[in-house]
C-alpha atoms as a PDB file:
ATOM      1  CA  MET A   1      -4.696 -12.780  22.984  1.00  0.00           C
ATOM      2  CA  PHE A   2      -5.215  -9.245  22.606  1.00  0.00           C
ATOM      3  CA  ARG A   3      -1.913  -8.751  23.971  1.00  0.00           C
ATOM      4  CA  SER A   4      -0.281 -11.585  21.524  1.00  0.00           C
ATOM      5  CA  LEU A   5      -1.934 -10.341  18.429  1.00  0.00           C
ATOM      6  CA  MET A   6      -0.468  -6.688  19.268  1.00  0.00           C
ATOM      7  CA  ILE A   7       3.000  -8.122  19.893  1.00  0.00           C
ATOM      8  CA  ALA A   8       2.549 -10.294  16.714  1.00  0.00           C
ATOM      9  CA  ALA A   9       1.637  -6.966  14.701  1.00  0.00           C
ATOM     10  CA  LEU A  10       3.882  -4.432  16.267  1.00  0.00           C
ATOM     11  CA  LEU A  11       6.877  -7.355  15.642  1.00  0.00           C
ATOM     12  CA  ALA A  12       5.918  -8.338  12.064  1.00  0.00           C
ATOM     13  CA  GLY A  13       4.754  -4.381  11.135  1.00  0.00           C
ATOM     14  CA  ALA A  14       8.236  -2.691  12.282  1.00  0.00           C
ATOM     15  CA  THR A  15      10.318  -5.721  10.096  1.00  0.00           C
ATOM     16  CA  ALA A  16       8.271  -5.638   7.217  1.00  0.00           C
ATOM     17  CA  GLY A  17       8.807  -1.594   7.195  1.00  0.00           C
ATOM     18  CA  LEU A  18      12.071  -1.791   7.830  1.00  0.00           C
ATOM     19  CA  LEU A  19      12.368  -4.291   4.516  1.00  0.00           C
ATOM     20  CA  LEU A  20      10.405  -1.912   2.655  1.00  0.00           C
ATOM     21  CA  THR A  21      12.121   0.605   3.482  1.00  0.00           C
ATOM     22  CA  GLY A  22      15.498  -0.971   2.653  1.00  0.00           C
ATOM     23  CA  ILE A  23      14.122  -1.750  -1.269  1.00  0.00           C
ATOM     24  CA  GLN A  24      12.445   1.461  -1.552  1.00  0.00           C
ATOM     25  CA  LEU A  25      16.134   3.071  -1.005  1.00  0.00           C
ATOM     26  CA  TRP A  26      17.489   0.599  -3.500  1.00  0.00           C
ATOM     27  CA  ARG A  27      15.031   0.780  -6.363  1.00  0.00           C
ATOM     28  CA  VAL A  28      12.150   3.479  -5.720  1.00  0.00           C
ATOM     29  CA  THR A  29      13.890   6.328  -4.415  1.00  0.00           C
ATOM     30  CA  PRO A  30      16.467   6.787  -7.645  1.00  0.00           C
ATOM     31  CA  ILE A  31      13.393   6.675 -10.067  1.00  0.00           C
ATOM     32  CA  ILE A  32      11.781   9.402  -7.637  1.00  0.00           C
ATOM     33  CA  LEU A  33      14.674  11.290  -7.431  1.00  0.00           C
ATOM     34  CA  ALA A  34      15.730  11.593 -11.151  1.00  0.00           C
ATOM     35  CA  ALA A  35      12.115  12.355 -11.927  1.00  0.00           C
ATOM     36  CA  GLU A  36      12.204  15.004  -9.550  1.00  0.00           C
ATOM     37  CA  LYS A  37      15.222  16.724 -11.582  1.00  0.00           C
ATOM     38  CA  PHE A  38      12.944  17.405 -14.761  1.00  0.00           C
ATOM     39  CA  GLU A  39       9.862  18.653 -12.159  1.00  0.00           C
ATOM     40  CA  THR A  40      12.786  21.115 -10.815  1.00  0.00           C
ATOM     41  CA  ALA A  41      14.417  21.881 -14.164  1.00  0.00           C
ATOM     42  CA  ALA A  42      10.220  23.085 -15.204  1.00  0.00           C
ATOM     43  CA  ALA A  43       9.612  24.570 -12.084  1.00  0.00           C
ATOM     44  CA  HIS A  44      12.694  26.753 -12.737  1.00  0.00           C
ATOM     45  CA  SER A  45      12.205  27.436 -16.216  1.00  0.00           C
ATOM     46  CA  HIS A  46       8.603  29.357 -15.279  1.00  0.00           C
ATOM     47  CA  GLU A  47       9.929  31.265 -12.242  1.00  0.00           C
ATOM     48  CA  GLN A  48       9.049  35.033 -12.496  1.00  0.00           C
ATOM     49  CA  PRO A  49      12.208  37.461 -11.302  1.00  0.00           C
ATOM     50  CA  HIS A  50      11.890  37.829  -7.496  1.00  0.00           C
ATOM     51  CA  GLU A  51       9.574  35.129  -7.203  1.00  0.00           C
ATOM     52  CA  HIS A  52       9.642  33.315  -3.660  1.00  0.00           C
ATOM     53  CA  ASP A  53       9.182  29.835  -3.019  1.00  0.00           C
ATOM     54  CA  ASN A  54       6.187  29.480  -0.847  1.00  0.00           C
ATOM     55  CA  ALA A  55       6.220  25.350  -0.932  1.00  0.00           C
ATOM     56  CA  THR A  56       4.977  23.560   1.756  1.00  0.00           C
ATOM     57  CA  TRP A  57       7.578  22.091   4.168  1.00  0.00           C
ATOM     58  CA  ARG A  58       9.028  18.457   3.088  1.00  0.00           C
ATOM     59  CA  PRO A  59      12.441  16.959   4.073  1.00  0.00           C
ATOM     60  CA  THR A  60      15.260  17.264   2.830  1.00  0.00           C
ATOM     61  CA  ASN A  61      17.267  14.498   0.614  1.00  0.00           C
ATOM     62  CA  GLY A  62      19.403  12.390   2.425  1.00  0.00           C
ATOM     63  CA  ALA A  63      19.217  11.161   6.461  1.00  0.00           C
ATOM     64  CA  GLU A  64      15.980  13.339   6.858  1.00  0.00           C
ATOM     65  CA  ARG A  65      14.353  12.323   3.787  1.00  0.00           C
ATOM     66  CA  MET A  66      15.335   8.304   4.857  1.00  0.00           C
ATOM     67  CA  PHE A  67      14.344   8.661   8.509  1.00  0.00           C
ATOM     68  CA  PHE A  68      10.735  10.077   7.750  1.00  0.00           C
ATOM     69  CA  SER A  69      10.487   7.433   4.858  1.00  0.00           C
ATOM     70  CA  LEU A  70      11.315   4.563   7.640  1.00  0.00           C
ATOM     71  CA  LEU A  71       8.852   5.769  10.142  1.00  0.00           C
ATOM     72  CA  ALA A  72       6.011   6.277   7.766  1.00  0.00           C
ATOM     73  CA  ASN A  73       6.971   2.634   6.372  1.00  0.00           C
ATOM     74  CA  VAL A  74       7.424   1.352  10.039  1.00  0.00           C
ATOM     75  CA  LEU A  75       3.833   2.800  11.450  1.00  0.00           C
ATOM     76  CA  ALA A  76       2.194   1.968   8.015  1.00  0.00           C
ATOM     77  CA  GLY A  77       3.532  -1.785   8.425  1.00  0.00           C
ATOM     78  CA  ILE A  78       2.043  -2.147  11.999  1.00  0.00           C
ATOM     79  CA  GLY A  79      -1.240  -0.611  11.080  1.00  0.00           C
ATOM     80  CA  PHE A  80      -1.342  -3.166   8.014  1.00  0.00           C
ATOM     81  CA  ALA A  81      -0.409  -5.940  10.325  1.00  0.00           C
ATOM     82  CA  LEU A  82      -2.917  -4.991  12.768  1.00  0.00           C
ATOM     83  CA  LEU A  83      -5.432  -5.774  10.375  1.00  0.00           C
ATOM     84  CA  LEU A  84      -3.695  -9.051   8.962  1.00  0.00           C
ATOM     85  CA  ALA A  85      -3.547 -10.363  12.294  1.00  0.00           C
ATOM     86  CA  ALA A  86      -6.942  -9.812  13.525  1.00  0.00           C
ATOM     87  CA  GLY A  87      -8.494 -11.228  10.578  1.00  0.00           C
ATOM     88  CA  MET A  88      -6.213 -14.259  10.858  1.00  0.00           C
ATOM     89  CA  VAL A  89      -7.079 -14.721  14.606  1.00  0.00           C
ATOM     90  CA  PHE A  90     -10.903 -14.350  14.326  1.00  0.00           C
ATOM     91  CA  SER A  91     -10.654 -16.857  11.120  1.00  0.00           C
ATOM     92  CA  GLY A  92      -8.896 -19.150  13.302  1.00  0.00           C
ATOM     93  CA  HIS A  93      -5.625 -19.049  11.218  1.00  0.00           C
ATOM     94  CA  SER A  94      -1.920 -19.177  12.279  1.00  0.00           C
ATOM     95  CA  GLY A  95       0.896 -20.055  10.600  1.00  0.00           C
ATOM     96  CA  TRP A  96       3.450 -18.956   7.945  1.00  0.00           C
ATOM     97  CA  ARG A  97       1.513 -20.523   5.008  1.00  0.00           C
ATOM     98  CA  LYS A  98      -2.130 -19.160   6.169  1.00  0.00           C
ATOM     99  CA  GLY A  99      -0.196 -15.554   6.686  1.00  0.00           C
ATOM    100  CA  LEU A 100       1.026 -15.533   2.811  1.00  0.00           C
ATOM    101  CA  TRP A 101      -2.489 -15.950   2.079  1.00  0.00           C
ATOM    102  CA  TRP A 102      -3.919 -13.333   4.052  1.00  0.00           C
ATOM    103  CA  GLY A 103      -0.518 -11.172   2.889  1.00  0.00           C
ATOM    104  CA  LEU A 104      -1.650 -12.047  -0.883  1.00  0.00           C
ATOM    105  CA  ALA A 105      -5.023 -10.645   0.271  1.00  0.00           C
ATOM    106  CA  GLY A 106      -3.826  -7.789   1.511  1.00  0.00           C
ATOM    107  CA  TYR A 107      -1.739  -6.673  -1.798  1.00  0.00           C
ATOM    108  CA  ALA A 108      -4.800  -7.460  -3.603  1.00  0.00           C
ATOM    109  CA  VAL A 109      -7.075  -5.034  -1.522  1.00  0.00           C
ATOM    110  CA  PHE A 110      -4.571  -1.926  -0.829  1.00  0.00           C
ATOM    111  CA  PHE A 111      -2.428  -1.927  -3.864  1.00  0.00           C
ATOM    112  CA  ILE A 112      -4.058  -4.045  -6.837  1.00  0.00           C
ATOM    113  CA  ALA A 113      -7.715  -2.500  -6.725  1.00  0.00           C
ATOM    114  CA  PRO A 114      -7.055   1.127  -6.340  1.00  0.00           C
ATOM    115  CA  THR A 115      -4.188   0.716  -8.710  1.00  0.00           C
ATOM    116  CA  LEU A 116      -6.471  -0.688 -11.821  1.00  0.00           C
ATOM    117  CA  GLY A 117      -7.615   3.068 -11.615  1.00  0.00           C
ATOM    118  CA  LEU A 118      -5.300   5.266 -10.098  1.00  0.00           C
ATOM    119  CA  HIS A 119      -1.428   4.222 -11.316  1.00  0.00           C
ATOM    120  CA  PRO A 120       1.421   5.027  -9.001  1.00  0.00           C
ATOM    121  CA  GLU A 121       2.822   8.188 -10.092  1.00  0.00           C
ATOM    122  CA  VAL A 122       6.138   9.806 -10.153  1.00  0.00           C
ATOM    123  CA  PRO A 123       6.567  13.695  -9.518  1.00  0.00           C
ATOM    124  CA  GLY A 124       5.604  16.099 -12.379  1.00  0.00           C
ATOM    125  CA  THR A 125       3.214  13.858 -13.308  1.00  0.00           C
ATOM    126  CA  ALA A 126      -0.657  15.516 -13.702  1.00  0.00           C
ATOM    127  CA  ALA A 127      -3.090  14.011 -11.424  1.00  0.00           C
ATOM    128  CA  ALA A 128      -6.581  14.988 -10.141  1.00  0.00           C
ATOM    129  CA  ALA A 129      -7.748  16.720  -7.150  1.00  0.00           C
ATOM    130  CA  LEU A 130      -6.130  14.775  -4.032  1.00  0.00           C
ATOM    131  CA  ALA A 131      -9.187  14.871  -1.911  1.00  0.00           C
ATOM    132  CA  GLU A 132     -11.148  12.958  -4.899  1.00  0.00           C
ATOM    133  CA  ARG A 133      -8.496  10.650  -5.210  1.00  0.00           C
ATOM    134  CA  GLN A 134      -8.300   9.878  -1.424  1.00  0.00           C
ATOM    135  CA  LEU A 135     -12.320   9.165  -1.375  1.00  0.00           C
ATOM    136  CA  TRP A 136     -12.099   6.775  -4.603  1.00  0.00           C
ATOM    137  CA  TRP A 137      -9.056   5.205  -3.087  1.00  0.00           C
ATOM    138  CA  ILE A 138     -10.901   4.724   0.524  1.00  0.00           C
ATOM    139  CA  SER A 139     -14.083   3.348  -1.211  1.00  0.00           C
ATOM    140  CA  THR A 140     -12.240   1.213  -3.480  1.00  0.00           C
ATOM    141  CA  VAL A 141     -10.237  -0.499  -0.570  1.00  0.00           C
ATOM    142  CA  ALA A 142     -13.480  -1.022   1.259  1.00  0.00           C
ATOM    143  CA  ALA A 143     -15.382  -2.072  -1.399  1.00  0.00           C
ATOM    144  CA  SER A 144     -12.767  -4.620  -2.198  1.00  0.00           C
ATOM    145  CA  ALA A 145     -11.625  -5.817   1.134  1.00  0.00           C
ATOM    146  CA  THR A 146     -15.793  -6.558   1.762  1.00  0.00           C
ATOM    147  CA  GLY A 147     -16.190  -7.761  -1.802  1.00  0.00           C
ATOM    148  CA  LEU A 148     -13.053 -10.521  -0.963  1.00  0.00           C
ATOM    149  CA  ALA A 149     -14.361 -11.640   2.275  1.00  0.00           C
ATOM    150  CA  LEU A 150     -17.768 -12.318   1.150  1.00  0.00           C
ATOM    151  CA  LEU A 151     -16.372 -14.258  -1.604  1.00  0.00           C
ATOM    152  CA  VAL A 152     -13.943 -16.363   0.337  1.00  0.00           C
ATOM    153  CA  PHE A 153     -16.239 -16.571   3.148  1.00  0.00           C
ATOM    154  CA  GLY A 154     -19.245 -16.315   1.737  1.00  0.00           C
ATOM    155  CA  ARG A 155     -21.419 -19.570   1.634  1.00  0.00           C
ATOM    156  CA  SER A 156     -24.343 -19.077  -0.530  1.00  0.00           C
ATOM    157  CA  LEU A 157     -24.595 -17.450  -4.445  1.00  0.00           C
ATOM    158  CA  LEU A 158     -26.094 -14.396  -3.244  1.00  0.00           C
ATOM    159  CA  LEU A 159     -23.422 -13.550  -1.261  1.00  0.00           C
ATOM    160  CA  ARG A 160     -21.079 -14.257  -3.693  1.00  0.00           C
ATOM    161  CA  GLY A 161     -22.841 -12.374  -6.015  1.00  0.00           C
ATOM    162  CA  MET A 162     -22.985  -9.163  -3.923  1.00  0.00           C
ATOM    163  CA  ALA A 163     -18.935 -10.067  -3.513  1.00  0.00           C
ATOM    164  CA  VAL A 164     -18.668  -9.746  -7.422  1.00  0.00           C
ATOM    165  CA  LEU A 165     -20.645  -6.639  -7.508  1.00  0.00           C
ATOM    166  CA  LEU A 166     -18.376  -5.316  -4.913  1.00  0.00           C
ATOM    167  CA  LEU A 167     -15.170  -5.843  -6.555  1.00  0.00           C
ATOM    168  CA  ILE A 168     -15.918  -4.515  -9.762  1.00  0.00           C
ATOM    169  CA  MET A 169     -18.117  -1.464  -8.666  1.00  0.00           C
ATOM    170  CA  PRO A 170     -15.143   1.021  -8.289  1.00  0.00           C
ATOM    171  CA  HIS A 171     -14.018   0.455 -11.640  1.00  0.00           C
ATOM    172  CA  LEU A 172     -17.438   0.997 -13.178  1.00  0.00           C
ATOM    173  CA  PHE A 173     -17.613   4.624 -12.036  1.00  0.00           C
ATOM    174  CA  GLY A 174     -14.270   5.221 -12.788  1.00  0.00           C
ATOM    175  CA  ALA A 175     -11.109   6.644 -10.829  1.00  0.00           C
ATOM    176  CA  PRO A 176     -10.976  10.424 -10.685  1.00  0.00           C
ATOM    177  CA  LEU A 177      -8.672  11.828 -13.427  1.00  0.00           C
ATOM    178  CA  PRO A 178      -7.058  15.147 -14.663  1.00  0.00           C
ATOM    179  CA  GLU A 179      -8.582  17.077 -17.534  1.00  0.00           C
ATOM    180  CA  HIS A 180      -5.432  16.859 -18.940  1.00  0.00           C
ATOM    181  CA  ALA A 181      -3.126  14.166 -19.151  1.00  0.00           C
ATOM    182  CA  SER A 182       0.467  15.466 -18.961  1.00  0.00           C
ATOM    183  CA  SER A 183       3.643  14.516 -17.618  1.00  0.00           C
ATOM    184  CA  LEU A 184       7.167  16.529 -17.105  1.00  0.00           C
ATOM    185  CA  VAL A 185       9.200  13.096 -17.143  1.00  0.00           C
ATOM    186  CA  PRO A 186       9.772  10.744 -20.154  1.00  0.00           C
ATOM    187  CA  GLN A 187       7.462   7.610 -20.266  1.00  0.00           C
ATOM    188  CA  GLN A 188      10.234   5.212 -19.612  1.00  0.00           C
ATOM    189  CA  LEU A 189      10.324   6.938 -15.942  1.00  0.00           C
ATOM    190  CA  SER A 190       7.023   6.656 -15.532  1.00  0.00           C
ATOM    191  CA  ASP A 191       7.006   2.902 -16.601  1.00  0.00           C
ATOM    192  CA  ASP A 192       9.634   2.141 -14.364  1.00  0.00           C
ATOM    193  CA  PHE A 193       8.164   3.543 -11.814  1.00  0.00           C
ATOM    194  CA  ILE A 194       5.185   1.470 -12.056  1.00  0.00           C
ATOM    195  CA  LEU A 195       6.465  -1.739 -12.713  1.00  0.00           C
ATOM    196  CA  THR A 196       8.872  -1.111  -9.345  1.00  0.00           C
ATOM    197  CA  THR A 197       6.469  -0.121  -7.176  1.00  0.00           C
ATOM    198  CA  THR A 198       3.950  -3.116  -7.982  1.00  0.00           C
ATOM    199  CA  ILE A 199       7.213  -5.484  -7.407  1.00  0.00           C
ATOM    200  CA  VAL A 200       8.101  -4.020  -4.278  1.00  0.00           C
ATOM    201  CA  ASN A 201       4.430  -3.913  -2.588  1.00  0.00           C
ATOM    202  CA  ALA A 202       4.448  -7.456  -3.130  1.00  0.00           C
ATOM    203  CA  ILE A 203       7.154  -7.940  -1.534  1.00  0.00           C
ATOM    204  CA  PHE A 204       6.151  -6.088   1.275  1.00  0.00           C
ATOM    205  CA  TRP A 205       2.962  -7.435   1.373  1.00  0.00           C
ATOM    206  CA  LEU A 206       3.907 -11.208   1.211  1.00  0.00           C
ATOM    207  CA  ALA A 207       6.611 -10.430   3.745  1.00  0.00           C
ATOM    208  CA  LEU A 208       3.978  -9.278   6.221  1.00  0.00           C
ATOM    209  CA  GLY A 209       1.779 -11.793   5.807  1.00  0.00           C
ATOM    210  CA  LEU A 210       4.293 -14.460   6.635  1.00  0.00           C
ATOM    211  CA  LEU A 211       5.520 -12.656   9.800  1.00  0.00           C
ATOM    212  CA  CYS A 212       2.034 -11.792  10.863  1.00  0.00           C
ATOM    213  CA  GLY A 213       1.160 -15.655  10.850  1.00  0.00           C
ATOM    214  CA  ARG A 214       4.643 -16.897  11.945  1.00  0.00           C
ATOM    215  CA  PHE A 215       4.496 -14.298  15.030  1.00  0.00           C
ATOM    216  CA  LEU A 216       0.964 -15.079  16.098  1.00  0.00           C
ATOM    217  CA  GLN A 217       2.170 -18.709  16.090  1.00  0.00           C
ATOM    218  CA  ARG A 218       4.725 -17.796  18.045  1.00  0.00           C
ATOM    219  CA  PHE A 219       3.132 -15.758  20.795  1.00  0.00           C
ATOM    220  CA  LEU A 220      -0.908 -17.105  20.687  1.00  0.00           C
ATOM    221  CA  PRO A 221      -1.776 -19.069  23.347  1.00  0.00           C
ATOM    222  CA  LEU A 222      -1.938 -22.976  22.218  1.00  0.00           C
ATOM    223  CA  SER A 223      -5.727 -22.748  23.554  1.00  0.00           C
ATOM    224  CA  GLU A 224      -6.589 -19.924  20.966  1.00  0.00           C
ATOM    225  CA  ARG A 225      -5.243 -21.043  18.128  1.00  0.00           C
ATOM    226  CA  LEU A 226      -8.526 -22.580  16.476  1.00  0.00           C
ATOM    227  CA  THR A 227      -6.160 -23.433  13.305  1.00  0.00           C
ATOM    228  CA  THR A 228      -2.666 -23.746  12.633  1.00  0.00           C
ATOM    229  CA  VAL A 229      -0.843 -24.495   9.240  1.00  0.00           C
END
């Protein structure tokens, strides 16, 4: 079972990562590059004479940036696929239809729930401290995943009540926000980025779930398939 799970997750994650990279290059990257022009122009306007650039390393635009984006997306895809595949195996699910539901759950937990507090931000947008945002994101994902699991698999009113509490708790506390909201880019560009990333992530997660379900159905031994749809 473990070998089948690993193969399914590797294939599904790599394929979904490739798909995500292609869509990002087509729809997301142009928005980021446009926003970076505003950020760079603002930085240059505030430079002092003989000031040296002490910025941390980042890949250059073009092939290098595309390679690292592809690598990150494939690795992330494999990691998320392992989570989905493990959940599907231990809940007795396989098949592309069940995979779509698991992909939708992943989308809700890892994107929709955090986005309700922290919107996707283009370069040049003011934000709270990175450590605070990361902690809130991790807490929100953990609470949302646990809450959704209790809501779907819980059999008592107490468990479902706890599920609802976990789902709303991160948003009651609120996400960390900057002291003064500001942006160097036009509002329309920020809105386009939020809409585009929302759609792109939906495609990624639904594809990932579908592929996980299909590959599990293909590689999981028949004796280990508790439910096949």
